[in-house]
């Protein structure tokens, strides 16, 4: 099992107020699954994604990633997991504005101390994989919104991650561009990539093969739908 979560709780304190963002969540995700996390604002979906991505730590409960107890790890070890096992795709792209597409994609490899020649090859390969082999030296302001998100996806893929975590990846895109990005995620899933997608949009969630609905910090439903959406059609 790639992800094993048991009785996960997360409590935030805002002044004197106690906010229970997660309330005893149990979740298993197998390698190669395509999962959509949905729910209304305040349901806990973003908090759960942050815990899965090792960006936040739970207040109680356990989280095992590929058999490793994440709760026992130090900050440096968590940073290593984020850099080597998890690829992040955000709604706002989070690209360096003065860096080329190639340099943006190289960044995780630079942090991972990969040698120049190897990281350049891996970054070029990742950009070609998302259809941007002819945009290597373009800066973000020279790219469309969809192209910028493709750069962000290439950056997530360049470390060959165990999981790609996508947080509202089409939120800043028009409908047609968003659909092209989701078709790219469909292709990645068919190639065996594990994807966990956070979205509040039903048509975006419909691309996944498993839909988990959160409400008030708990799993309200967990459905394996047995199909996704490919080229606008269910399969």
Protein backbone atom coordinates (compact mmCIF):
# COMPACT_ATOMS: atom_id res chain seq x y z
CA UNK A 1 0.00 0.00 0.00
CA UNK A 2 1.39 3.40 -0.97
CA UNK A 3 -0.58 5.51 1.54
CA UNK A 4 -1.99 4.25 4.84
CA UNK A 5 -3.74 6.79 7.07
CA UNK A 6 -5.43 5.86 10.33
CA UNK A 7 -7.50 8.00 12.72
CA UNK A 8 -5.88 11.17 11.38
CA UNK A 9 -6.69 14.37 13.25
CA UNK A 10 -5.52 17.91 12.73
CA UNK A 11 -6.31 20.71 15.15
CA UNK A 12 -5.46 24.36 14.60
CA UNK A 13 -5.60 27.02 17.27
CA UNK A 14 -6.62 30.48 16.14
CA UNK A 15 -6.27 32.58 19.25
CA UNK A 16 -8.61 31.02 21.78
CA UNK A 17 -10.53 29.13 19.09
CA UNK A 18 -9.89 25.42 18.42
CA UNK A 19 -10.48 24.35 14.80
CA UNK A 20 -10.80 20.62 14.09
CA UNK A 21 -9.77 20.44 10.43
CA UNK A 22 -9.55 16.63 10.33
CA UNK A 23 -11.55 14.33 12.61
CA UNK A 24 -10.39 10.71 12.53
CA UNK A 25 -9.76 10.20 8.80
CA UNK A 26 -8.94 6.67 7.57
CA UNK A 27 -7.59 6.36 4.03
CA UNK A 28 -5.66 3.84 1.92
CA UNK A 29 -4.34 4.66 -1.55
CA UNK A 30 -2.68 2.05 -3.74
CA UNK A 31 0.10 2.75 -6.20
CA UNK A 32 -1.29 3.85 -9.57
CA UNK A 33 -4.64 5.15 -8.28
CA UNK A 34 -6.21 8.37 -9.54
CA UNK A 35 -8.07 9.98 -6.62
CA UNK A 36 -10.13 13.16 -6.40
CA UNK A 37 -10.63 14.80 -3.01
CA UNK A 38 -13.72 16.99 -2.97
CA UNK A 39 -15.85 18.78 -0.43
CA UNK A 40 -17.18 22.20 0.52
CA UNK A 41 -14.99 24.97 1.89
CA UNK A 42 -13.78 23.97 5.36
CA UNK A 43 -14.28 20.25 4.72
CA UNK A 44 -10.60 19.44 5.35
CA UNK A 45 -9.58 18.46 1.81
CA UNK A 46 -6.68 20.92 1.58
CA UNK A 47 -5.49 20.03 5.08
CA UNK A 48 -5.51 16.34 4.19
CA UNK A 49 -3.55 17.07 1.03
CA UNK A 50 -0.97 19.06 3.02
CA UNK A 51 -0.52 16.16 5.43
CA UNK A 52 -0.18 13.65 2.56
CA UNK A 53 2.38 15.97 0.94
CA UNK A 54 4.38 16.29 4.19
CA UNK A 55 3.71 20.04 4.22
CA UNK A 56 1.92 19.72 7.56
CA UNK A 57 1.95 17.25 10.44
CA UNK A 58 -1.14 15.69 12.05
CA UNK A 59 -2.15 16.34 15.64
CA UNK A 60 -3.01 12.67 16.14
CA UNK A 61 -3.23 9.44 14.18
CA UNK A 62 -0.74 7.84 11.82
CA UNK A 63 0.43 8.28 8.24
CA UNK A 64 2.60 5.73 6.45
CA UNK A 65 4.00 6.45 2.99
CA UNK A 66 5.36 3.39 1.16
CA UNK A 67 5.63 1.65 4.53
CA UNK A 68 7.48 4.51 6.23
CA UNK A 69 5.96 6.11 9.33
CA UNK A 70 5.99 9.77 8.38
CA UNK A 71 5.13 10.86 11.92
CA UNK A 72 8.54 9.76 13.21
CA UNK A 73 10.56 11.78 10.71
CA UNK A 74 12.52 14.96 11.38
CA UNK A 75 12.11 18.12 9.32
CA UNK A 76 15.14 17.36 7.16
CA UNK A 77 13.78 13.88 6.41
CA UNK A 78 10.35 15.30 5.56
CA UNK A 79 12.00 17.78 3.20
CA UNK A 80 13.82 14.89 1.51
CA UNK A 81 10.52 13.04 1.00
CA UNK A 82 8.89 16.18 -0.46
CA UNK A 83 11.78 16.60 -2.86
CA UNK A 84 12.13 12.98 -3.97
CA UNK A 85 8.77 11.24 -3.61
CA UNK A 86 6.10 13.90 -4.09
CA UNK A 87 5.42 16.18 -7.04
CA UNK A 88 3.28 19.25 -6.38
CA UNK A 89 1.06 21.08 -8.87
CA UNK A 90 -0.63 24.26 -7.62
CA UNK A 91 -3.44 26.46 -8.90
CA UNK A 92 -1.12 29.48 -9.10
CA UNK A 93 1.71 27.60 -10.89
CA UNK A 94 4.41 28.90 -8.44
CA UNK A 95 7.01 29.41 -11.16
CA UNK A 96 10.08 31.63 -10.83
CA UNK A 97 9.17 34.61 -13.04
CA UNK A 98 12.71 35.39 -14.23
CA UNK A 99 13.72 31.77 -14.90
CA UNK A 100 13.17 29.85 -18.12
CA UNK A 101 10.84 26.86 -18.30
CA UNK A 102 13.92 24.63 -18.28
CA UNK A 103 15.39 26.22 -15.16
CA UNK A 104 12.02 26.13 -13.36
CA UNK A 105 11.78 22.40 -14.00
CA UNK A 106 15.37 21.86 -12.90
CA UNK A 107 14.79 23.41 -9.46
CA UNK A 108 13.84 20.21 -7.53
CA UNK A 109 16.91 18.51 -8.98
CA UNK A 110 19.15 21.40 -7.93
CA UNK A 111 17.83 21.03 -4.37
CA UNK A 112 18.48 17.31 -4.70
CA UNK A 113 22.12 17.96 -5.70
CA UNK A 114 21.75 16.25 -9.08
CA UNK A 115 24.68 16.99 -11.38
CA UNK A 116 24.19 19.58 -14.11
CA UNK A 117 24.32 17.27 -17.13
CA UNK A 118 21.87 14.75 -15.65
CA UNK A 119 19.41 17.32 -14.33
CA UNK A 120 19.40 19.14 -17.68
CA UNK A 121 18.54 15.88 -19.45
CA UNK A 122 15.79 15.02 -16.94
CA UNK A 123 14.29 18.51 -17.20
CA UNK A 124 14.26 18.42 -21.00
CA UNK A 125 12.65 14.98 -20.94
CA UNK A 126 9.96 16.19 -18.49
CA UNK A 127 9.12 19.22 -20.63
CA UNK A 128 8.94 17.10 -23.75
CA UNK A 129 6.61 14.73 -21.91
CA UNK A 130 4.11 17.57 -21.36
CA UNK A 131 4.44 18.85 -24.93
CA UNK A 132 6.75 21.81 -24.30
CA UNK A 133 9.96 20.62 -25.92
CA UNK A 134 9.89 23.76 -28.08
CA UNK A 135 9.47 26.15 -25.12
CA UNK A 136 12.56 25.28 -23.06
CA UNK A 137 13.97 28.80 -22.97
CA UNK A 138 10.72 30.72 -22.58
CA UNK A 139 10.04 32.56 -19.32
CA UNK A 140 6.59 32.35 -17.65
CA UNK A 141 5.47 35.74 -19.03
CA UNK A 142 6.15 34.39 -22.52
CA UNK A 143 3.83 31.41 -22.01
CA UNK A 144 0.06 31.02 -21.90
CA UNK A 145 -1.69 29.96 -18.71
CA UNK A 146 -2.01 26.39 -19.94
CA UNK A 147 1.67 26.29 -20.90
CA UNK A 148 2.67 27.61 -17.47
CA UNK A 149 0.66 24.86 -15.83
CA UNK A 150 2.36 22.32 -18.09
CA UNK A 151 5.73 23.65 -16.89
CA UNK A 152 4.51 23.18 -13.32
CA UNK A 153 3.46 19.60 -14.11
CA UNK A 154 6.85 18.92 -15.71
CA UNK A 155 8.51 20.25 -12.55
CA UNK A 156 6.39 17.84 -10.50
CA UNK A 157 7.29 14.91 -12.76
CA UNK A 158 11.04 15.57 -13.05
CA UNK A 159 11.87 13.77 -9.78
CA UNK A 160 9.91 10.69 -10.87
CA UNK A 161 7.66 11.01 -7.79
CA UNK A 162 5.65 8.29 -6.09
CA UNK A 163 2.67 10.68 -5.99
CA UNK A 164 1.60 13.77 -7.90
CA UNK A 165 -0.52 16.06 -5.69
CA UNK A 166 -2.56 18.59 -7.67
CA UNK A 167 -4.36 21.37 -5.79
CA UNK A 168 -7.10 22.93 -7.97
CA UNK A 169 -4.78 22.66 -11.02
CA UNK A 170 -7.32 24.19 -13.42
CA UNK A 171 -8.56 26.94 -11.11
CA UNK A 172 -6.79 29.75 -12.99
CA UNK A 173 -7.51 28.42 -16.47
CA UNK A 174 -10.39 28.80 -18.90
CA UNK A 175 -12.58 25.77 -19.55
CA UNK A 176 -10.90 24.59 -22.76
CA UNK A 177 -7.38 25.00 -21.36
CA UNK A 178 -8.39 23.30 -18.13
CA UNK A 179 -9.73 20.34 -20.08
CA UNK A 180 -6.43 20.01 -21.96
CA UNK A 181 -4.59 19.93 -18.62
CA UNK A 182 -6.94 17.24 -17.33
CA UNK A 183 -6.33 15.18 -20.46
CA UNK A 184 -2.63 15.38 -19.61
CA UNK A 185 -3.37 14.04 -16.12
CA UNK A 186 -5.40 11.25 -17.76
CA UNK A 187 -2.36 10.35 -19.86
CA UNK A 188 -0.10 10.35 -16.79
CA UNK A 189 -2.51 8.03 -14.97
CA UNK A 190 -2.62 5.64 -17.90
CA UNK A 191 1.19 5.57 -17.78
CA UNK A 192 0.99 4.40 -14.13
CA UNK A 193 1.38 7.64 -12.19
CA UNK A 194 -0.38 7.91 -8.81
CA UNK A 195 -2.40 11.14 -8.76
CA UNK A 196 -4.30 12.79 -5.92
CA UNK A 197 -6.34 15.77 -7.06
CA UNK A 198 -8.06 18.36 -4.87
CA UNK A 199 -10.97 20.09 -6.58
CA UNK A 200 -14.40 21.54 -5.90
CA UNK A 201 -15.47 21.16 -9.54
CA UNK A 202 -17.50 18.05 -10.39
CA UNK A 203 -16.38 17.89 -14.03
CA UNK A 204 -12.74 17.97 -12.95
CA UNK A 205 -13.28 15.30 -10.28
CA UNK A 206 -14.97 13.14 -12.93
CA UNK A 207 -11.57 12.49 -14.53
CA UNK A 208 -10.48 10.47 -11.48
CA UNK A 209 -11.25 6.79 -10.93
CA UNK A 210 -11.99 7.27 -7.24
CA UNK A 211 -13.94 10.10 -5.59
CA UNK A 212 -13.54 10.88 -1.89
CA UNK A 213 -15.94 13.43 -0.44
CA UNK A 214 -14.97 15.17 2.79
CA UNK A 215 -17.29 17.08 5.07
CA UNK A 216 -16.52 18.64 8.45
CA UNK A 217 -13.13 16.93 8.59
CA UNK A 218 -14.47 13.42 7.97
CA UNK A 219 -14.76 11.12 4.95
CA UNK A 220 -18.41 11.30 3.94
CA UNK A 221 -18.13 8.97 0.93
CA UNK A 222 -15.47 7.02 -0.94
CA UNK A 223 -16.50 5.72 -4.35
CA UNK A 224 -14.47 3.81 -6.91
CA UNK A 225 -16.21 4.71 -10.11
CA UNK A 226 -14.38 2.37 -12.51
CA UNK A 227 -14.10 4.97 -15.25
CA UNK A 228 -12.71 8.37 -15.99
CA UNK A 229 -13.11 10.98 -18.67
CA UNK A 230 -10.88 10.78 -21.71
CA UNK A 231 -11.22 13.20 -24.63
CA UNK A 232 -14.49 14.39 -23.15
CA UNK A 233 -15.95 10.89 -23.00
CA UNK A 234 -16.24 8.41 -20.15
CA UNK A 235 -14.28 5.22 -20.52
